[in-house]
């Protein structure tokens, strides 16, 4: 019985010591701006996706208006309320640029 306990104890100690070593990847310098840069990237991605969604939605409404009316609207307000419920708000620092000749909407920086 003493042999079993000593073998069990030596195996347990070996397993514990094997797990305590520092065999992880080599340590590298930590970028202190990483969280800030990451959050900034997320905010930029959100703004970019909002711009693209709004533009795609408006361009689709413009195409439907053109098919039914035979022309593009003179202003985006003509799309309400039949084609869009309201003209969507754009992110701060941007504006909608509508070209009635082409029937195309773009979001541009002010």
PDB file of N, CA and C in Angstrom:
ATOM      1  N   UNK A   1       0.811  -1.183   0.000  1.00  0.00           N
ATOM      2  CA  UNK A   1       0.000   0.000   0.000  1.00  0.00           C
ATOM      3  C   UNK A   1       0.857   1.249   0.000  1.00  0.00           C
ATOM      4  N   UNK A   2       1.996   1.217   0.727  1.00  0.00           N
ATOM      5  CA  UNK A   2       2.883   2.365   0.756  1.00  0.00           C
ATOM      6  C   UNK A   2       3.463   2.647  -0.628  1.00  0.00           C
ATOM      7  N   UNK A   3       3.709   1.617  -1.396  1.00  0.00           N
ATOM      8  CA  UNK A   3       4.245   1.784  -2.745  1.00  0.00           C
ATOM      9  C   UNK A   3       3.200   2.486  -3.626  1.00  0.00           C
ATOM     10  N   UNK A   4       1.948   2.083  -3.508  1.00  0.00           N
ATOM     11  CA  UNK A   4       0.880   2.708  -4.290  1.00  0.00           C
ATOM     12  C   UNK A   4       0.748   4.185  -3.948  1.00  0.00           C
ATOM     13  N   UNK A   5       0.812   4.518  -2.676  1.00  0.00           N
ATOM     14  CA  UNK A   5       0.686   5.915  -2.257  1.00  0.00           C
ATOM     15  C   UNK A   5       1.886   6.714  -2.737  1.00  0.00           C
ATOM     16  N   UNK A   6       3.078   6.172  -2.648  1.00  0.00           N
ATOM     17  CA  UNK A   6       4.265   6.918  -3.092  1.00  0.00           C
ATOM     18  C   UNK A   6       4.261   7.103  -4.609  1.00  0.00           C
ATOM     19  N   UNK A   7       3.814   6.110  -5.362  1.00  0.00           N
ATOM     20  CA  UNK A   7       3.735   6.248  -6.816  1.00  0.00           C
ATOM     21  C   UNK A   7       2.665   7.290  -7.165  1.00  0.00           C
ATOM     22  N   UNK A   8       1.514   7.223  -6.502  1.00  0.00           N
ATOM     23  CA  UNK A   8       0.442   8.183  -6.747  1.00  0.00           C
ATOM     24  C   UNK A   8       0.898   9.604  -6.418  1.00  0.00           C
ATOM     25  N   UNK A   9       1.607   9.755  -5.303  1.00  0.00           N
ATOM     26  CA  UNK A   9       2.087  11.076  -4.887  1.00  0.00           C
ATOM     27  C   UNK A   9       3.112  11.608  -5.876  1.00  0.00           C
ATOM     28  N   UNK A  10       4.019  10.778  -6.344  1.00  0.00           N
ATOM     29  CA  UNK A  10       5.041  11.249  -7.292  1.00  0.00           C
ATOM     30  C   UNK A  10       4.410  11.615  -8.639  1.00  0.00           C
ATOM     31  N   UNK A  11       3.394  10.878  -9.089  1.00  0.00           N
ATOM     32  CA  UNK A  11       2.703  11.213 -10.332  1.00  0.00           C
ATOM     33  C   UNK A  11       1.952  12.528 -10.163  1.00  0.00           C
ATOM     34  N   UNK A  12       1.297  12.713  -9.035  1.00  0.00           N
ATOM     35  CA  UNK A  12       0.547  13.948  -8.785  1.00  0.00           C
ATOM     36  C   UNK A  12       1.488  15.150  -8.752  1.00  0.00           C
ATOM     37  N   UNK A  13       2.622  15.022  -8.085  1.00  0.00           N
ATOM     38  CA  UNK A  13       3.597  16.117  -8.024  1.00  0.00           C
ATOM     39  C   UNK A  13       4.144  16.416  -9.411  1.00  0.00           C
ATOM     40  N   UNK A  14       4.415  15.397 -10.189  1.00  0.00           N
ATOM     41  CA  UNK A  14       4.929  15.589 -11.545  1.00  0.00           C
ATOM     42  C   UNK A  14       3.904  16.328 -12.409  1.00  0.00           C
ATOM     43  N   UNK A  15       2.656  15.947 -12.310  1.00  0.00           N
ATOM     44  CA  UNK A  15       1.610  16.598 -13.089  1.00  0.00           C
ATOM     45  C   UNK A  15       1.460  18.049 -12.665  1.00  0.00           C
ATOM     46  N   UNK A  16       1.457  18.313 -11.376  1.00  0.00           N
ATOM     47  CA  UNK A  16       1.325  19.687 -10.892  1.00  0.00           C
ATOM     48  C   UNK A  16       2.508  20.552 -11.317  1.00  0.00           C
ATOM     49  N   UNK A  17       3.700  20.013 -11.214  1.00  0.00           N
ATOM     50  CA  UNK A  17       4.879  20.789 -11.605  1.00  0.00           C
ATOM     51  C   UNK A  17       4.936  21.016 -13.113  1.00  0.00           C
ATOM     52  N   UNK A  18       4.461  20.059 -13.878  1.00  0.00           N
ATOM     53  CA  UNK A  18       4.471  20.215 -15.332  1.00  0.00           C
ATOM     54  C   UNK A  18       3.527  21.333 -15.755  1.00  0.00           C
ATOM     55  N   UNK A  19       2.441  21.522 -15.031  1.00  0.00           N
ATOM     56  CA  UNK A  19       1.488  22.559 -15.375  1.00  0.00           C
ATOM     57  C   UNK A  19       1.887  23.938 -14.884  1.00  0.00           C
ATOM     58  N   UNK A  20       2.866  24.040 -14.023  1.00  0.00           N
ATOM     59  CA  UNK A  20       3.251  25.325 -13.442  1.00  0.00           C
ATOM     60  C   UNK A  20       4.317  26.057 -14.239  1.00  0.00           C
ATOM     61  N   UNK A  21       4.888  25.420 -15.214  1.00  0.00           N
ATOM     62  CA  UNK A  21       5.949  26.052 -15.984  1.00  0.00           C
ATOM     63  C   UNK A  21       5.427  27.155 -16.877  1.00  0.00           C
ATOM     64  N   UNK A  22       6.291  28.090 -17.231  1.00  0.00           N
ATOM     65  CA  UNK A  22       5.916  29.178 -18.125  1.00  0.00           C
ATOM     66  C   UNK A  22       6.360  28.803 -19.529  1.00  0.00           C
ATOM     67  N   UNK A  23       5.518  28.058 -20.212  1.00  0.00           N
ATOM     68  CA  UNK A  23       5.846  27.622 -21.569  1.00  0.00           C
ATOM     69  C   UNK A  23       4.968  28.314 -22.593  1.00  0.00           C
ATOM     70  N   UNK A  24       4.438  29.468 -22.231  1.00  0.00           N
ATOM     71  CA  UNK A  24       3.591  30.202 -23.163  1.00  0.00           C
ATOM     72  C   UNK A  24       4.458  30.879 -24.210  1.00  0.00           C
ATOM     73  N   UNK A  25       3.787  31.516 -25.163  1.00  0.00           N
ATOM     74  CA  UNK A  25       4.512  32.193 -26.227  1.00  0.00           C
ATOM     75  C   UNK A  25       5.344  33.328 -25.641  1.00  0.00           C
ATOM     76  N   UNK A  26       6.400  33.715 -26.341  1.00  0.00           N
ATOM     77  CA  UNK A  26       7.245  34.783 -25.822  1.00  0.00           C
ATOM     78  C   UNK A  26       6.444  36.068 -25.640  1.00  0.00           C
ATOM     79  N   UNK A  27       6.769  36.784 -24.590  1.00  0.00           N
ATOM     80  CA  UNK A  27       6.048  38.011 -24.287  1.00  0.00           C
ATOM     81  C   UNK A  27       6.470  39.111 -25.242  1.00  0.00           C
ATOM     82  N   UNK A  28       5.485  39.872 -25.695  1.00  0.00           N
ATOM     83  CA  UNK A  28       5.761  40.982 -26.594  1.00  0.00           C
ATOM     84  C   UNK A  28       5.343  42.269 -25.923  1.00  0.00           C
ATOM     85  N   UNK A  29       5.774  43.362 -26.479  1.00  0.00           N
ATOM     86  CA  UNK A  29       5.402  44.664 -25.935  1.00  0.00           C
ATOM     87  C   UNK A  29       3.898  44.863 -26.104  1.00  0.00           C
ATOM     88  N   UNK A  30       3.275  45.422 -25.091  1.00  0.00           N
ATOM     89  CA  UNK A  30       1.839  45.655 -25.121  1.00  0.00           C
ATOM     90  C   UNK A  30       1.587  47.054 -25.660  1.00  0.00           C
ATOM     91  N   UNK A  31       0.704  47.127 -26.636  1.00  0.00           N
ATOM     92  CA  UNK A  31       0.327  48.417 -27.199  1.00  0.00           C
ATOM     93  C   UNK A  31      -0.695  49.050 -26.273  1.00  0.00           C
ATOM     94  N   UNK A  32      -0.337  50.141 -25.633  1.00  0.00           N
ATOM     95  CA  UNK A  32      -1.250  50.777 -24.682  1.00  0.00           C
ATOM     96  C   UNK A  32      -2.409  51.457 -25.375  1.00  0.00           C
ATOM     97  N   UNK A  33      -2.333  51.693 -26.660  1.00  0.00           N
ATOM     98  CA  UNK A  33      -3.421  52.316 -27.398  1.00  0.00           C
ATOM     99  C   UNK A  33      -4.342  51.288 -28.049  1.00  0.00           C
ATOM    100  N   UNK A  34      -4.102  50.014 -27.832  1.00  0.00           N
ATOM    101  CA  UNK A  34      -4.899  48.985 -28.490  1.00  0.00           C
ATOM    102  C   UNK A  34      -6.388  49.109 -28.189  1.00  0.00           C
ATOM    103  N   UNK A  35      -6.810  49.243 -26.928  1.00  0.00           N
ATOM    104  CA  UNK A  35      -8.252  49.360 -26.699  1.00  0.00           C
ATOM    105  C   UNK A  35      -8.850  50.598 -27.355  1.00  0.00           C
ATOM    106  N   UNK A  36      -8.150  51.714 -27.306  1.00  0.00           N
ATOM    107  CA  UNK A  36      -8.650  52.934 -27.923  1.00  0.00           C
ATOM    108  C   UNK A  36      -8.753  52.764 -29.431  1.00  0.00           C
ATOM    109  N   UNK A  37      -7.721  52.226 -30.053  1.00  0.00           N
ATOM    110  CA  UNK A  37      -7.751  52.005 -31.489  1.00  0.00           C
ATOM    111  C   UNK A  37      -8.839  51.037 -31.888  1.00  0.00           C
ATOM    112  N   UNK A  38      -9.044  50.026 -31.076  1.00  0.00           N
ATOM    113  CA  UNK A  38     -10.077  49.026 -31.354  1.00  0.00           C
ATOM    114  C   UNK A  38     -11.455  49.658 -31.302  1.00  0.00           C
ATOM    115  N   UNK A  39     -11.705  50.439 -30.261  1.00  0.00           N
ATOM    116  CA  UNK A  39     -13.013  51.083 -30.136  1.00  0.00           C
ATOM    117  C   UNK A  39     -13.234  52.091 -31.256  1.00  0.00           C
ATOM    118  N   UNK A  40     -12.180  52.815 -31.629  1.00  0.00           N
ATOM    119  CA  UNK A  40     -12.293  53.759 -32.734  1.00  0.00           C
ATOM    120  C   UNK A  40     -12.639  53.054 -34.032  1.00  0.00           C
ATOM    121  N   UNK A  41     -12.049  51.900 -34.246  1.00  0.00           N
ATOM    122  CA  UNK A  41     -12.335  51.117 -35.441  1.00  0.00           C
ATOM    123  C   UNK A  41     -13.791  50.649 -35.451  1.00  0.00           C
ATOM    124  N   UNK A  42     -14.288  50.227 -34.293  1.00  0.00           N
ATOM    125  CA  UNK A  42     -15.681  49.804 -34.213  1.00  0.00           C
ATOM    126  C   UNK A  42     -16.635  50.959 -34.509  1.00  0.00           C
ATOM    127  N   UNK A  43     -16.331  52.140 -33.979  1.00  0.00           N
ATOM    128  CA  UNK A  43     -17.180  53.303 -34.226  1.00  0.00           C
ATOM    129  C   UNK A  43     -17.165  53.659 -35.707  1.00  0.00           C
ATOM    130  N   UNK A  44     -15.977  53.645 -36.315  1.00  0.00           N
ATOM    131  CA  UNK A  44     -15.874  53.948 -37.747  1.00  0.00           C
ATOM    132  C   UNK A  44     -16.643  52.927 -38.585  1.00  0.00           C
ATOM    133  N   UNK A  45     -16.547  51.661 -38.216  1.00  0.00           N
ATOM    134  CA  UNK A  45     -17.264  50.620 -38.958  1.00  0.00           C
ATOM    135  C   UNK A  45     -18.770  50.811 -38.834  1.00  0.00           C
ATOM    136  N   UNK A  46     -19.229  51.169 -37.649  1.00  0.00           N
ATOM    137  CA  UNK A  46     -20.663  51.401 -37.450  1.00  0.00           C
ATOM    138  C   UNK A  46     -21.135  52.570 -38.299  1.00  0.00           C
ATOM    139  N   UNK A  47     -20.383  53.665 -38.305  1.00  0.00           N
ATOM    140  CA  UNK A  47     -20.762  54.825 -39.109  1.00  0.00           C
ATOM    141  C   UNK A  47     -20.780  54.469 -40.588  1.00  0.00           C
ATOM    142  N   UNK A  48     -19.777  53.729 -41.035  1.00  0.00           N
ATOM    143  CA  UNK A  48     -19.695  53.343 -42.436  1.00  0.00           C
ATOM    144  C   UNK A  48     -20.873  52.462 -42.826  1.00  0.00           C
ATOM    145  N   UNK A  49     -21.214  51.508 -41.976  1.00  0.00           N
ATOM    146  CA  UNK A  49     -22.333  50.621 -42.302  1.00  0.00           C
ATOM    147  C   UNK A  49     -23.644  51.381 -42.304  1.00  0.00           C
ATOM    148  N   UNK A  50     -23.815  52.340 -41.371  1.00  0.00           N
ATOM    149  CA  UNK A  50     -25.043  53.132 -41.361  1.00  0.00           C
ATOM    150  C   UNK A  50     -25.164  53.942 -42.648  1.00  0.00           C
ATOM    151  N   UNK A  51     -24.061  54.521 -43.109  1.00  0.00           N
ATOM    152  CA  UNK A  51     -24.092  55.304 -44.345  1.00  0.00           C
ATOM    153  C   UNK A  51     -24.494  54.434 -45.519  1.00  0.00           C
ATOM    154  N   UNK A  52     -23.932  53.254 -45.620  1.00  0.00           N
ATOM    155  CA  UNK A  52     -24.225  52.381 -46.749  1.00  0.00           C
ATOM    156  C   UNK A  52     -25.666  51.896 -46.721  1.00  0.00           C
ATOM    157  N   UNK A  53     -26.183  51.576 -45.550  1.00  0.00           N
ATOM    158  CA  UNK A  53     -27.562  51.113 -45.446  1.00  0.00           C
ATOM    159  C   UNK A  53     -28.513  52.223 -45.848  1.00  0.00           C
ATOM    160  N   UNK A  54     -28.300  53.426 -45.329  1.00  0.00           N
ATOM    161  CA  UNK A  54     -29.186  54.539 -45.660  1.00  0.00           C
ATOM    162  C   UNK A  54     -29.161  54.824 -47.156  1.00  0.00           C
ATOM    163  N   UNK A  55     -27.988  54.830 -47.751  1.00  0.00           N
ATOM    164  CA  UNK A  55     -27.870  55.123 -49.177  1.00  0.00           C
ATOM    165  C   UNK A  55     -28.535  54.036 -50.008  1.00  0.00           C
ATOM    166  N   UNK A  56     -28.326  52.789 -49.676  1.00  0.00           N
ATOM    167  CA  UNK A  56     -28.931  51.699 -50.435  1.00  0.00           C
ATOM    168  C   UNK A  56     -30.455  51.766 -50.345  1.00  0.00           C
ATOM    169  N   UNK A  57     -30.968  52.051 -49.173  1.00  0.00           N
ATOM    170  CA  UNK A  57     -32.407  52.153 -48.971  1.00  0.00           C
ATOM    171  C   UNK A  57     -32.994  53.302 -49.792  1.00  0.00           C
ATOM    172  N   UNK A  58     -32.318  54.434 -49.773  1.00  0.00           N
ATOM    173  CA  UNK A  58     -32.813  55.586 -50.533  1.00  0.00           C
ATOM    174  C   UNK A  58     -32.702  55.363 -52.039  1.00  0.00           C
ATOM    175  N   UNK A  59     -31.609  54.765 -52.477  1.00  0.00           N
ATOM    176  CA  UNK A  59     -31.457  54.504 -53.912  1.00  0.00           C
ATOM    177  C   UNK A  59     -32.526  53.526 -54.412  1.00  0.00           C
ATOM    178  N   UNK A  60     -32.887  52.555 -53.596  1.00  0.00           N
ATOM    179  CA  UNK A  60     -33.954  51.633 -53.979  1.00  0.00           C
ATOM    180  C   UNK A  60     -35.286  52.375 -54.075  1.00  0.00           C
ATOM    181  N   UNK A  61     -35.544  53.265 -53.130  1.00  0.00           N
ATOM    182  CA  UNK A  61     -36.778  54.055 -53.170  1.00  0.00           C
ATOM    183  C   UNK A  61     -36.802  54.961 -54.401  1.00  0.00           C
ATOM    184  N   UNK A  62     -35.644  55.507 -54.767  1.00  0.00           N
ATOM    185  CA  UNK A  62     -35.565  56.353 -55.963  1.00  0.00           C
ATOM    186  C   UNK A  62     -35.884  55.558 -57.226  1.00  0.00           C
ATOM    187  N   UNK A  63     -35.403  54.334 -57.299  1.00  0.00           N
ATOM    188  CA  UNK A  63     -35.687  53.491 -58.460  1.00  0.00           C
ATOM    189  C   UNK A  63     -37.172  53.150 -58.542  1.00  0.00           C
ATOM    190  N   UNK A  64     -37.788  52.862 -57.399  1.00  0.00           N
ATOM    191  CA  UNK A  64     -39.226  52.571 -57.394  1.00  0.00           C
ATOM    192  C   UNK A  64     -40.020  53.812 -57.814  1.00  0.00           C
ATOM    193  N   UNK A  65     -39.618  54.985 -57.339  1.00  0.00           N
ATOM    194  CA  UNK A  65     -40.274  56.234 -57.729  1.00  0.00           C
ATOM    195  C   UNK A  65     -40.172  56.430 -59.237  1.00  0.00           C
ATOM    196  N   UNK A  66     -38.984  56.199 -59.792  1.00  0.00           N
ATOM    197  CA  UNK A  66     -38.754  56.370 -61.229  1.00  0.00           C
ATOM    198  C   UNK A  66     -39.619  55.425 -62.052  1.00  0.00           C
ATOM    199  N   UNK A  67     -39.754  54.189 -61.618  1.00  0.00           N
ATOM    200  CA  UNK A  67     -40.565  53.216 -62.356  1.00  0.00           C
ATOM    201  C   UNK A  67     -42.035  53.629 -62.339  1.00  0.00           C
ATOM    202  N   UNK A  68     -42.523  54.071 -61.200  1.00  0.00           N
ATOM    203  CA  UNK A  68     -43.946  54.402 -61.092  1.00  0.00           C
ATOM    204  C   UNK A  68     -44.289  55.780 -61.640  1.00  0.00           C
ATOM    205  N   UNK A  69     -43.384  56.746 -61.472  1.00  0.00           N
ATOM    206  CA  UNK A  69     -43.684  58.122 -61.892  1.00  0.00           C
ATOM    207  C   UNK A  69     -43.088  58.482 -63.259  1.00  0.00           C
ATOM    208  N   UNK A  70     -42.132  57.710 -63.731  1.00  0.00           N
ATOM    209  CA  UNK A  70     -41.495  57.988 -65.017  1.00  0.00           C
ATOM    210  C   UNK A  70     -40.435  59.071 -64.946  1.00  0.00           C
ATOM    211  N   UNK A  71     -40.050  59.453 -63.758  1.00  0.00           N
ATOM    212  CA  UNK A  71     -39.011  60.473 -63.564  1.00  0.00           C
ATOM    213  C   UNK A  71     -38.436  60.303 -62.162  1.00  0.00           C
ATOM    214  N   UNK A  72     -37.309  60.941 -61.935  1.00  0.00           N
ATOM    215  CA  UNK A  72     -36.746  60.970 -60.593  1.00  0.00           C
ATOM    216  C   UNK A  72     -37.320  62.172 -59.847  1.00  0.00           C
ATOM    217  N   UNK A  73     -37.453  62.085 -58.530  1.00  0.00           N
ATOM    218  CA  UNK A  73     -37.985  63.223 -57.790  1.00  0.00           C
ATOM    219  C   UNK A  73     -37.026  64.408 -57.812  1.00  0.00           C
ATOM    220  N   UNK A  74     -37.583  65.617 -57.720  1.00  0.00           N
ATOM    221  CA  UNK A  74     -36.743  66.818 -57.689  1.00  0.00           C
ATOM    222  C   UNK A  74     -36.000  66.928 -56.367  1.00  0.00           C
ATOM    223  N   UNK A  75     -36.657  66.513 -55.295  1.00  0.00           N
ATOM    224  CA  UNK A  75     -36.015  66.499 -53.974  1.00  0.00           C
ATOM    225  C   UNK A  75     -36.309  65.160 -53.306  1.00  0.00           C
ATOM    226  N   UNK A  76     -35.545  64.835 -52.298  1.00  0.00           N
ATOM    227  CA  UNK A  76     -35.767  63.585 -51.571  1.00  0.00           C
ATOM    228  C   UNK A  76     -37.085  63.600 -50.798  1.00  0.00           C
ATOM    229  N   UNK A  77     -37.575  64.775 -50.462  1.00  0.00           N
ATOM    230  CA  UNK A  77     -38.826  64.883 -49.722  1.00  0.00           C
ATOM    231  C   UNK A  77     -40.013  64.337 -50.531  1.00  0.00           C
ATOM    232  N   UNK A  78     -39.901  64.301 -51.845  1.00  0.00           N
ATOM    233  CA  UNK A  78     -40.970  63.732 -52.674  1.00  0.00           C
ATOM    234  C   UNK A  78     -41.140  62.233 -52.448  1.00  0.00           C
ATOM    235  N   UNK A  79     -40.145  61.592 -51.865  1.00  0.00           N
ATOM    236  CA  UNK A  79     -40.234  60.154 -51.594  1.00  0.00           C
ATOM    237  C   UNK A  79     -41.166  59.852 -50.422  1.00  0.00           C
ATOM    238  N   UNK A  80     -41.370  60.834 -49.552  1.00  0.00           N
ATOM    239  CA  UNK A  80     -42.221  60.600 -48.382  1.00  0.00           C
ATOM    240  C   UNK A  80     -43.660  60.925 -48.729  1.00  0.00           C
ATOM    241  N   UNK A  81     -44.633  60.304 -48.234  1.00  0.00           N
ATOM    242  CA  UNK A  81     -44.656  59.113 -47.392  1.00  0.00           C
ATOM    243  C   UNK A  81     -44.855  57.820 -48.188  1.00  0.00           C
ATOM    244  N   UNK A  82     -44.958  57.916 -49.518  1.00  0.00           N
ATOM    245  CA  UNK A  82     -45.282  56.731 -50.320  1.00  0.00           C
ATOM    246  C   UNK A  82     -44.129  55.748 -50.488  1.00  0.00           C
ATOM    247  N   UNK A  83     -42.902  56.223 -50.525  1.00  0.00           N
ATOM    248  CA  UNK A  83     -41.762  55.338 -50.809  1.00  0.00           C
ATOM    249  C   UNK A  83     -40.881  55.108 -49.588  1.00  0.00           C
ATOM    250  N   UNK A  84     -40.759  56.102 -48.734  1.00  0.00           N
ATOM    251  CA  UNK A  84     -40.067  55.965 -47.448  1.00  0.00           C
ATOM    252  C   UNK A  84     -40.896  56.699 -46.401  1.00  0.00           C
ATOM    253  N   UNK A  85     -40.865  56.203 -45.183  1.00  0.00           N
ATOM    254  CA  UNK A  85     -41.629  56.842 -44.112  1.00  0.00           C
ATOM    255  C   UNK A  85     -41.059  58.220 -43.796  1.00  0.00           C
ATOM    256  N   UNK A  86     -39.741  58.297 -43.743  1.00  0.00           N
ATOM    257  CA  UNK A  86     -39.069  59.580 -43.522  1.00  0.00           C
ATOM    258  C   UNK A  86     -37.660  59.485 -44.083  1.00  0.00           C
ATOM    259  N   UNK A  87     -37.090  60.625 -44.370  1.00  0.00           N
ATOM    260  CA  UNK A  87     -35.704  60.660 -44.848  1.00  0.00           C
ATOM    261  C   UNK A  87     -34.809  60.355 -43.645  1.00  0.00           C
ATOM    262  N   UNK A  88     -33.935  59.358 -43.742  1.00  0.00           N
ATOM    263  CA  UNK A  88     -33.133  58.962 -42.588  1.00  0.00           C
ATOM    264  C   UNK A  88     -32.118  60.028 -42.193  1.00  0.00           C
ATOM    265  N   UNK A  89     -31.815  60.058 -40.916  1.00  0.00           N
ATOM    266  CA  UNK A  89     -30.798  60.965 -40.408  1.00  0.00           C
ATOM    267  C   UNK A  89     -29.423  60.413 -40.760  1.00  0.00           C
ATOM    268  N   UNK A  90     -28.503  61.303 -41.044  1.00  0.00           N
ATOM    269  CA  UNK A  90     -27.135  60.889 -41.368  1.00  0.00           C
ATOM    270  C   UNK A  90     -26.250  61.140 -40.159  1.00  0.00           C
ATOM    271  N   UNK A  91     -25.126  60.445 -40.058  1.00  0.00           N
ATOM    272  CA  UNK A  91     -24.225  60.661 -38.939  1.00  0.00           C
ATOM    273  C   UNK A  91     -23.718  62.101 -38.897  1.00  0.00           C
ATOM    274  N   UNK A  92     -23.342  62.529 -37.715  1.00  0.00           N
ATOM    275  CA  UNK A  92     -22.830  63.870 -37.502  1.00  0.00           C
ATOM    276  C   UNK A  92     -21.624  64.124 -38.395  1.00  0.00           C
ATOM    277  N   UNK A  93     -21.618  65.261 -39.084  1.00  0.00           N
ATOM    278  CA  UNK A  93     -20.510  65.611 -39.965  1.00  0.00           C
ATOM    279  C   UNK A  93     -20.701  65.168 -41.405  1.00  0.00           C
ATOM    280  N   UNK A  94     -21.842  64.568 -41.707  1.00  0.00           N
ATOM    281  CA  UNK A  94     -22.121  64.088 -43.057  1.00  0.00           C
ATOM    282  C   UNK A  94     -23.444  64.690 -43.540  1.00  0.00           C
ATOM    283  N   UNK A  95     -23.667  64.632 -44.828  1.00  0.00           N
ATOM    284  CA  UNK A  95     -24.934  65.080 -45.400  1.00  0.00           C
ATOM    285  C   UNK A  95     -25.278  64.212 -46.597  1.00  0.00           C
ATOM    286  N   UNK A  96     -26.551  64.226 -46.966  1.00  0.00           N
ATOM    287  CA  UNK A  96     -27.005  63.499 -48.147  1.00  0.00           C
ATOM    288  C   UNK A  96     -26.813  64.390 -49.361  1.00  0.00           C
ATOM    289  N   UNK A  97     -26.213  63.845 -50.397  1.00  0.00           N
ATOM    290  CA  UNK A  97     -26.011  64.568 -51.647  1.00  0.00           C
ATOM    291  C   UNK A  97     -26.851  63.863 -52.713  1.00  0.00           C
ATOM    292  N   UNK A  98     -27.920  64.524 -53.157  1.00  0.00           N
ATOM    293  CA  UNK A  98     -28.848  63.929 -54.119  1.00  0.00           C
ATOM    294  C   UNK A  98     -28.679  64.586 -55.479  1.00  0.00           C
ATOM    295  N   UNK A  99     -28.504  63.760 -56.515  1.00  0.00           N
ATOM    296  CA  UNK A  99     -28.408  64.225 -57.902  1.00  0.00           C
ATOM    297  C   UNK A  99     -29.690  63.816 -58.623  1.00  0.00           C
ATOM    298  N   UNK A 100     -30.637  64.774 -58.840  1.00  0.00           N
ATOM    299  CA  UNK A 100     -31.906  64.405 -59.471  1.00  0.00           C
ATOM    300  C   UNK A 100     -31.767  63.986 -60.933  1.00  0.00           C
ATOM    301  N   UNK A 101     -30.691  64.392 -61.608  1.00  0.00           N
ATOM    302  CA  UNK A 101     -30.512  63.990 -63.006  1.00  0.00           C
ATOM    303  C   UNK A 101     -30.192  62.494 -63.108  1.00  0.00           C
ATOM    304  N   UNK A 102     -29.381  61.989 -62.189  1.00  0.00           N
ATOM    305  CA  UNK A 102     -29.003  60.573 -62.190  1.00  0.00           C
ATOM    306  C   UNK A 102     -29.906  59.738 -61.290  1.00  0.00           C
ATOM    307  N   UNK A 103     -30.612  60.377 -60.358  1.00  0.00           N
ATOM    308  CA  UNK A 103     -31.411  59.637 -59.390  1.00  0.00           C
ATOM    309  C   UNK A 103     -30.529  58.880 -58.439  1.00  0.00           C
ATOM    310  N   UNK A 104     -29.524  59.558 -57.910  1.00  0.00           N
ATOM    311  CA  UNK A 104     -28.527  58.894 -57.083  1.00  0.00           C
ATOM    312  C   UNK A 104     -28.284  59.692 -55.809  1.00  0.00           C
ATOM    313  N   UNK A 105     -28.208  58.982 -54.687  1.00  0.00           N
ATOM    314  CA  UNK A 105     -27.933  59.594 -53.386  1.00  0.00           C
ATOM    315  C   UNK A 105     -26.596  59.115 -52.897  1.00  0.00           C
ATOM    316  N   UNK A 106     -25.816  60.024 -52.333  1.00  0.00           N
ATOM    317  CA  UNK A 106     -24.534  59.686 -51.712  1.00  0.00           C
ATOM    318  C   UNK A 106     -24.473  60.358 -50.354  1.00  0.00           C
ATOM    319  N   UNK A 107     -23.744  59.757 -49.437  1.00  0.00           N
ATOM    320  CA  UNK A 107     -23.462  60.382 -48.155  1.00  0.00           C
ATOM    321  C   UNK A 107     -22.049  60.942 -48.258  1.00  0.00           C
ATOM    322  N   UNK A 108     -21.936  62.260 -48.063  1.00  0.00           N
ATOM    323  CA  UNK A 108     -20.633  62.909 -48.184  1.00  0.00           C
ATOM    324  C   UNK A 108     -20.331  63.676 -46.907  1.00  0.00           C
ATOM    325  N   UNK A 109     -19.051  63.857 -46.637  1.00  0.00           N
ATOM    326  CA  UNK A 109     -18.635  64.646 -45.473  1.00  0.00           C
ATOM    327  C   UNK A 109     -18.897  66.109 -45.748  1.00  0.00           C
ATOM    328  N   UNK A 110     -19.275  66.828 -44.721  1.00  0.00           N
ATOM    329  CA  UNK A 110     -19.552  68.257 -44.884  1.00  0.00           C
ATOM    330  C   UNK A 110     -18.277  69.064 -44.866  1.00  0.00           C
TER     331      UNK A 110
END
